[in-house]
Amino acid sequence: MHEEQAPAWVVDPGTPSVARMYDYYLGGKDNFAADRQAAEKIISILPNARDVARTNRAFLMRAVRHLARSGIRQFLDIGTGLPTQENVHQVAQAEAPGSRVVYVDNDPIVLAHARALLADNPRSIVIHGDMRNPESVLGHPGVLTHLDFTRPVALIMLAVLHFVTDDAEAARLVGAFREPLAPGSHLVVSHITRGDLDEDAVRRGRDVYTGTTAGGIVPRTAAQVRGFLDGLHVLEPGVVPLHLWRPETVEPAWNGKPGGDIIGGVGLVPGA
């Protein structure tokens, strides 16, 4: 793996990290007590939180597999989170060994684990970057040397845009990341919705995430999420609950547990 010398980060185990909370939802072990406590608060509000995380992960695998089979050989994963089984590079390279992957994250533990995982995989790298500064990500030397933006790229923004609480800013960030994409590129998006949560539950969930590294969270409607794909050809079945996006097996919903939902879709940059 080729990456610049990492700066020295200080990990604050007392501040819950959304990446480590997500790891906890998925049953991982790379988390601290503060992460687990915050995640358990969310589970008390959102009983299907673990299901949401697993459904999001399964959607990622299906989407990457579909894109690799469709000829996409470059993947840019924004806010990748902690490595788990069947990561983007593993799924893509199983279908097409020449696939190139760039992971982007700003959590020091994510970066350390990803570097270790990718040490013997020269076609996959991880860089330190923040989706709130797309210009620095897109201009990063690792991105520019690893990906060819004159050719199609799959831009992956899974379960990250709900941490941008201002609607106009979220739209700006998506637009900035979409701007350099060549025809034939794809944007893969997922986002939480409020599901059957009432306003009090939404408020309490926001309060928990306000104390995390993300600084906040906001559910959005299906129409708002579709807006991120405006101008793209949205692949069937459109922007839907993730367990309904091209399921490879019969995937259960929430087994009767109340809570939020997570929706998403895949858009194709036209003109190829």
Protein backbone atom coordinates (compact mmCIF):
# COMPACT_ATOMS: atom_id res chain seq x y z
CA MET A 1 0.00 0.00 0.00
CA HIS A 2 1.28 3.44 -0.89
CA GLU A 3 0.34 6.30 1.43
CA GLU A 4 2.05 9.36 2.83
CA GLN A 5 3.60 9.23 6.28
CA ALA A 6 0.72 9.37 8.71
CA PRO A 7 0.58 12.34 11.09
CA ALA A 8 0.45 11.61 14.78
CA TRP A 9 -3.16 11.52 15.94
CA VAL A 10 -4.35 11.44 19.50
CA VAL A 11 -7.18 8.97 19.98
CA ASP A 12 -9.73 10.23 22.49
CA PRO A 13 -11.36 7.11 23.96
CA GLY A 14 -13.78 9.29 25.92
CA THR A 15 -15.49 10.76 22.87
CA PRO A 16 -17.72 8.30 21.03
CA SER A 17 -16.65 7.76 17.42
CA VAL A 18 -19.37 7.08 14.85
CA ALA A 19 -17.02 4.63 13.09
CA ARG A 20 -16.46 2.67 16.29
CA MET A 21 -20.18 2.81 17.17
CA TYR A 22 -20.93 1.34 13.75
CA ASP A 23 -18.34 -1.35 14.44
CA TYR A 24 -20.19 -2.14 17.68
CA TYR A 25 -23.54 -2.37 15.88
CA LEU A 26 -21.95 -4.90 13.53
CA GLY A 27 -20.63 -6.97 16.43
CA GLY A 28 -17.03 -5.81 16.12
CA LYS A 29 -14.47 -5.43 18.90
CA ASP A 30 -12.66 -2.26 17.81
CA ASN A 31 -14.46 0.13 20.14
CA PHE A 32 -14.13 1.75 23.55
CA ALA A 33 -16.50 1.95 26.50
CA ALA A 34 -17.72 5.40 25.42
CA ASP A 35 -18.56 4.05 21.96
CA ARG A 36 -20.47 1.12 23.42
CA GLN A 37 -22.37 3.31 25.86
CA ALA A 38 -23.42 5.73 23.13
CA ALA A 39 -24.36 2.86 20.81
CA GLU A 40 -26.47 1.25 23.53
CA LYS A 41 -28.31 4.55 24.02
CA ILE A 42 -29.10 4.54 20.31
CA ILE A 43 -30.25 0.91 20.47
CA SER A 44 -32.59 1.84 23.35
CA ILE A 45 -34.12 4.50 21.08
CA LEU A 46 -33.75 2.58 17.82
CA PRO A 47 -34.20 -1.13 18.61
CA ASN A 48 -33.35 -2.10 15.04
CA ALA A 49 -30.02 -0.21 14.99
CA ARG A 50 -28.00 -3.39 14.53
CA ASP A 51 -30.29 -4.49 11.70
CA VAL A 52 -29.87 -1.11 10.02
CA ALA A 53 -26.08 -1.44 10.17
CA ARG A 54 -26.11 -5.00 8.83
CA THR A 55 -28.53 -4.07 6.04
CA ASN A 56 -26.31 -1.15 5.05
CA ARG A 57 -23.28 -3.43 4.92
CA ALA A 58 -25.08 -6.03 2.82
CA PHE A 59 -26.22 -3.33 0.38
CA LEU A 60 -22.62 -2.17 0.02
CA MET A 61 -21.49 -5.66 -0.95
CA ARG A 62 -24.29 -6.10 -3.50
CA ALA A 63 -23.74 -2.68 -5.04
CA VAL A 64 -19.97 -3.15 -5.36
CA ARG A 65 -20.44 -6.63 -6.78
CA HIS A 66 -22.92 -5.32 -9.35
CA LEU A 67 -20.65 -2.45 -10.38
CA ALA A 68 -17.60 -4.67 -10.70
CA ARG A 69 -19.58 -7.08 -12.88
CA SER A 70 -20.71 -4.07 -14.93
CA GLY A 71 -17.11 -3.12 -15.71
CA ILE A 72 -16.27 -0.56 -13.00
CA ARG A 73 -12.63 -0.93 -11.97
CA GLN A 74 -12.16 2.13 -9.72
CA PHE A 75 -13.79 2.75 -6.35
CA LEU A 76 -13.60 5.78 -4.06
CA ASP A 77 -15.13 5.02 -0.64
CA ILE A 78 -15.80 8.14 1.45
CA GLY A 79 -16.00 7.53 5.21
CA THR A 80 -15.14 3.88 4.93
CA GLY A 81 -15.35 2.95 8.61
CA LEU A 82 -13.51 0.14 10.32
CA PRO A 83 -12.61 -2.86 8.16
CA THR A 84 -14.82 -5.89 8.51
CA GLN A 85 -15.51 -8.95 6.37
CA GLU A 86 -15.97 -8.44 2.63
CA ASN A 87 -14.69 -4.90 2.33
CA VAL A 88 -14.97 -2.97 -0.93
CA HIS A 89 -11.58 -4.06 -2.25
CA GLN A 90 -12.23 -7.70 -1.40
CA VAL A 91 -15.63 -7.75 -3.11
CA ALA A 92 -14.46 -5.79 -6.17
CA GLN A 93 -11.20 -7.68 -6.61
CA ALA A 94 -12.96 -11.04 -6.26
CA GLU A 95 -14.95 -10.07 -9.36
CA ALA A 96 -12.18 -8.18 -11.14
CA PRO A 97 -8.65 -8.58 -9.71
CA GLY A 98 -7.45 -5.37 -11.37
CA SER A 99 -9.88 -3.17 -9.45
CA ARG A 100 -8.36 -0.16 -7.69
CA VAL A 101 -9.80 1.15 -4.42
CA VAL A 102 -9.20 4.28 -2.38
CA TYR A 103 -10.62 4.41 1.13
CA VAL A 104 -11.05 7.80 2.82
CA ASP A 105 -11.54 8.34 6.55
CA ASN A 106 -10.45 10.68 9.32
CA ASP A 107 -10.68 8.32 12.29
CA PRO A 108 -7.15 7.34 13.41
CA ILE A 109 -8.19 3.82 14.45
CA VAL A 110 -9.89 3.26 11.09
CA LEU A 111 -6.74 4.41 9.32
CA ALA A 112 -4.46 2.19 11.40
CA HIS A 113 -6.58 -0.92 10.83
CA ALA A 114 -7.02 -0.20 7.13
CA ARG A 115 -3.29 0.31 6.60
CA ALA A 116 -2.58 -3.03 8.24
CA LEU A 117 -5.24 -4.76 6.15
CA LEU A 118 -3.99 -3.25 2.89
CA ALA A 119 -0.26 -3.60 3.50
CA ASP A 120 0.06 -6.34 0.85
CA ASN A 121 -2.56 -4.99 -1.55
CA PRO A 122 -0.94 -2.40 -3.85
CA ARG A 123 -4.19 -1.78 -5.74
CA SER A 124 -5.94 -0.56 -2.57
CA ILE A 125 -4.95 2.39 -0.40
CA VAL A 126 -6.36 4.41 2.47
CA ILE A 127 -5.90 8.15 2.90
CA HIS A 128 -6.62 10.56 5.70
CA GLY A 129 -9.40 12.83 4.53
CA ASP A 130 -12.69 14.41 5.54
CA MET A 131 -15.80 14.38 3.37
CA ARG A 132 -16.50 17.91 4.58
CA ASN A 133 -13.49 19.04 2.55
CA PRO A 134 -14.00 17.35 -0.82
CA GLU A 135 -11.42 19.52 -2.54
CA SER A 136 -8.64 18.21 -0.29
CA VAL A 137 -9.79 14.62 -0.81
CA LEU A 138 -10.05 14.91 -4.59
CA GLY A 139 -6.73 16.75 -4.75
CA HIS A 140 -4.90 14.32 -2.48
CA PRO A 141 -1.78 12.89 -4.17
CA GLY A 142 -2.81 9.35 -3.27
CA VAL A 143 -6.19 9.79 -4.94
CA LEU A 144 -4.71 11.45 -8.01
CA THR A 145 -2.07 8.77 -8.53
CA HIS A 146 -4.31 5.82 -7.74
CA LEU A 147 -7.46 6.77 -9.67
CA ASP A 148 -7.91 8.00 -13.25
CA PHE A 149 -10.85 10.41 -13.29
CA THR A 150 -10.99 10.36 -17.07
CA ARG A 151 -12.38 6.85 -16.66
CA PRO A 152 -15.45 5.69 -14.69
CA VAL A 153 -15.22 5.69 -10.90
CA ALA A 154 -17.70 4.35 -8.35
CA LEU A 155 -18.11 7.02 -5.66
CA ILE A 156 -19.41 5.43 -2.46
CA MET A 157 -21.06 7.60 0.19
CA LEU A 158 -22.72 5.10 2.51
CA ALA A 159 -24.25 6.16 5.81
CA VAL A 160 -22.23 9.37 5.97
CA LEU A 161 -24.42 12.16 4.62
CA HIS A 162 -26.80 12.01 7.58
CA PHE A 163 -23.91 13.32 9.69
CA VAL A 164 -24.05 16.57 7.66
CA THR A 165 -27.00 18.20 9.36
CA ASP A 166 -27.34 21.22 7.04
CA ASP A 167 -29.28 20.28 3.90
CA ALA A 168 -27.57 22.82 1.66
CA GLU A 169 -24.13 21.74 2.84
CA ALA A 170 -24.92 18.07 2.26
CA ALA A 171 -26.02 18.88 -1.30
CA ARG A 172 -22.86 20.95 -1.85
CA LEU A 173 -20.60 18.13 -0.71
CA VAL A 174 -22.28 15.58 -2.96
CA GLY A 175 -22.04 18.00 -5.88
CA ALA A 176 -18.35 18.62 -5.27
CA PHE A 177 -17.55 14.90 -5.17
CA ARG A 178 -19.68 14.27 -8.26
CA GLU A 179 -18.12 17.10 -10.28
CA PRO A 180 -14.98 15.26 -11.55
CA LEU A 181 -16.76 11.97 -12.32
CA ALA A 182 -16.53 10.86 -15.95
CA PRO A 183 -19.53 9.49 -17.85
CA GLY A 184 -20.12 5.89 -16.86
CA SER A 185 -19.24 6.62 -13.22
CA HIS A 186 -21.66 5.74 -10.44
CA LEU A 187 -22.69 7.27 -7.14
CA VAL A 188 -23.74 4.84 -4.38
CA VAL A 189 -25.65 6.48 -1.51
CA SER A 190 -27.36 5.29 1.65
CA HIS A 191 -28.99 7.41 4.34
CA ILE A 192 -31.11 6.95 7.44
CA THR A 193 -34.77 7.96 7.56
CA ARG A 194 -36.94 8.36 10.61
CA GLY A 195 -39.02 5.26 9.87
CA ASP A 196 -41.69 4.99 12.55
CA LEU A 197 -39.77 7.03 15.11
CA ASP A 198 -41.69 9.90 16.70
CA GLU A 199 -40.25 13.38 17.10
CA ASP A 200 -39.11 12.74 20.66
CA ALA A 201 -37.14 9.64 19.62
CA VAL A 202 -35.54 11.55 16.74
CA ARG A 203 -34.55 14.33 19.15
CA ARG A 204 -33.03 11.89 21.65
CA GLY A 205 -31.07 10.18 18.89
CA ARG A 206 -29.76 13.52 17.71
CA ASP A 207 -28.71 14.35 21.27
CA VAL A 208 -26.60 11.18 21.46
CA TYR A 209 -24.87 11.85 18.14
CA THR A 210 -24.25 15.49 19.02
CA GLY A 211 -21.78 14.20 21.60
CA THR A 212 -19.87 12.06 19.09
CA THR A 213 -17.09 12.79 16.64
CA ALA A 214 -19.77 13.54 14.01
CA GLY A 215 -21.31 16.34 16.05
CA GLY A 216 -24.86 15.53 14.99
CA ILE A 217 -27.15 13.48 12.79
CA VAL A 218 -30.29 14.11 10.76
CA PRO A 219 -32.68 11.65 9.10
CA ARG A 220 -33.90 12.68 5.66
CA THR A 221 -36.87 11.74 3.52
CA ALA A 222 -36.74 9.52 0.44
CA ALA A 223 -37.29 12.61 -1.72
CA GLN A 224 -34.30 14.33 -0.14
CA VAL A 225 -32.09 11.28 -0.65
CA ARG A 226 -33.21 11.01 -4.29
CA GLY A 227 -32.10 14.62 -4.64
CA PHE A 228 -28.48 13.54 -4.18
CA LEU A 229 -28.90 11.53 -7.41
CA ASP A 230 -30.54 14.31 -9.44
CA GLY A 231 -29.18 14.39 -12.98
CA LEU A 232 -28.06 10.76 -12.81
CA HIS A 233 -29.72 7.71 -14.28
CA VAL A 234 -30.98 5.93 -11.16
CA LEU A 235 -30.60 2.17 -11.43
CA GLU A 236 -33.63 0.02 -10.74
CA PRO A 237 -35.31 -0.35 -8.30
CA GLY A 238 -34.57 3.29 -7.49
CA VAL A 239 -34.10 4.79 -4.04
CA VAL A 240 -35.61 2.17 -1.74
CA PRO A 241 -35.15 0.56 1.67
CA LEU A 242 -31.80 -1.14 1.31
CA HIS A 243 -33.03 -4.69 1.87
CA LEU A 244 -35.13 -4.21 -1.29
CA TRP A 245 -32.23 -3.11 -3.50
CA ARG A 246 -31.54 -6.11 -5.75
CA PRO A 247 -31.61 -8.69 -2.95
CA GLU A 248 -29.62 -11.84 -3.64
CA THR A 249 -31.54 -13.76 -0.99
CA VAL A 250 -34.78 -13.11 0.83
CA GLU A 251 -33.68 -10.53 3.37
CA PRO A 252 -35.87 -10.00 6.44
CA ALA A 253 -36.87 -6.53 7.45
CA TRP A 254 -36.69 -5.66 11.12
CA ASN A 255 -38.32 -8.76 12.62
CA GLY A 256 -41.04 -6.61 14.15
CA LYS A 257 -38.62 -4.29 15.94
CA PRO A 258 -39.59 -0.61 15.71
CA GLY A 259 -37.13 2.04 14.72
CA GLY A 260 -35.70 3.97 11.84
CA ASP A 261 -34.92 2.78 8.36
CA ILE A 262 -32.07 3.14 5.91
CA ILE A 263 -32.62 3.77 2.22
CA GLY A 264 -30.41 4.32 -0.78
CA GLY A 265 -29.71 3.75 -4.41
CA VAL A 266 -27.18 3.88 -7.20
CA GLY A 267 -26.97 6.52 -9.89
CA LEU A 268 -25.12 6.38 -13.23
CA VAL A 269 -23.41 9.47 -14.67
CA PRO A 270 -24.92 9.69 -18.17
CA GLY A 271 -23.09 10.21 -21.42
CA ALA A 272 -20.96 7.06 -21.64
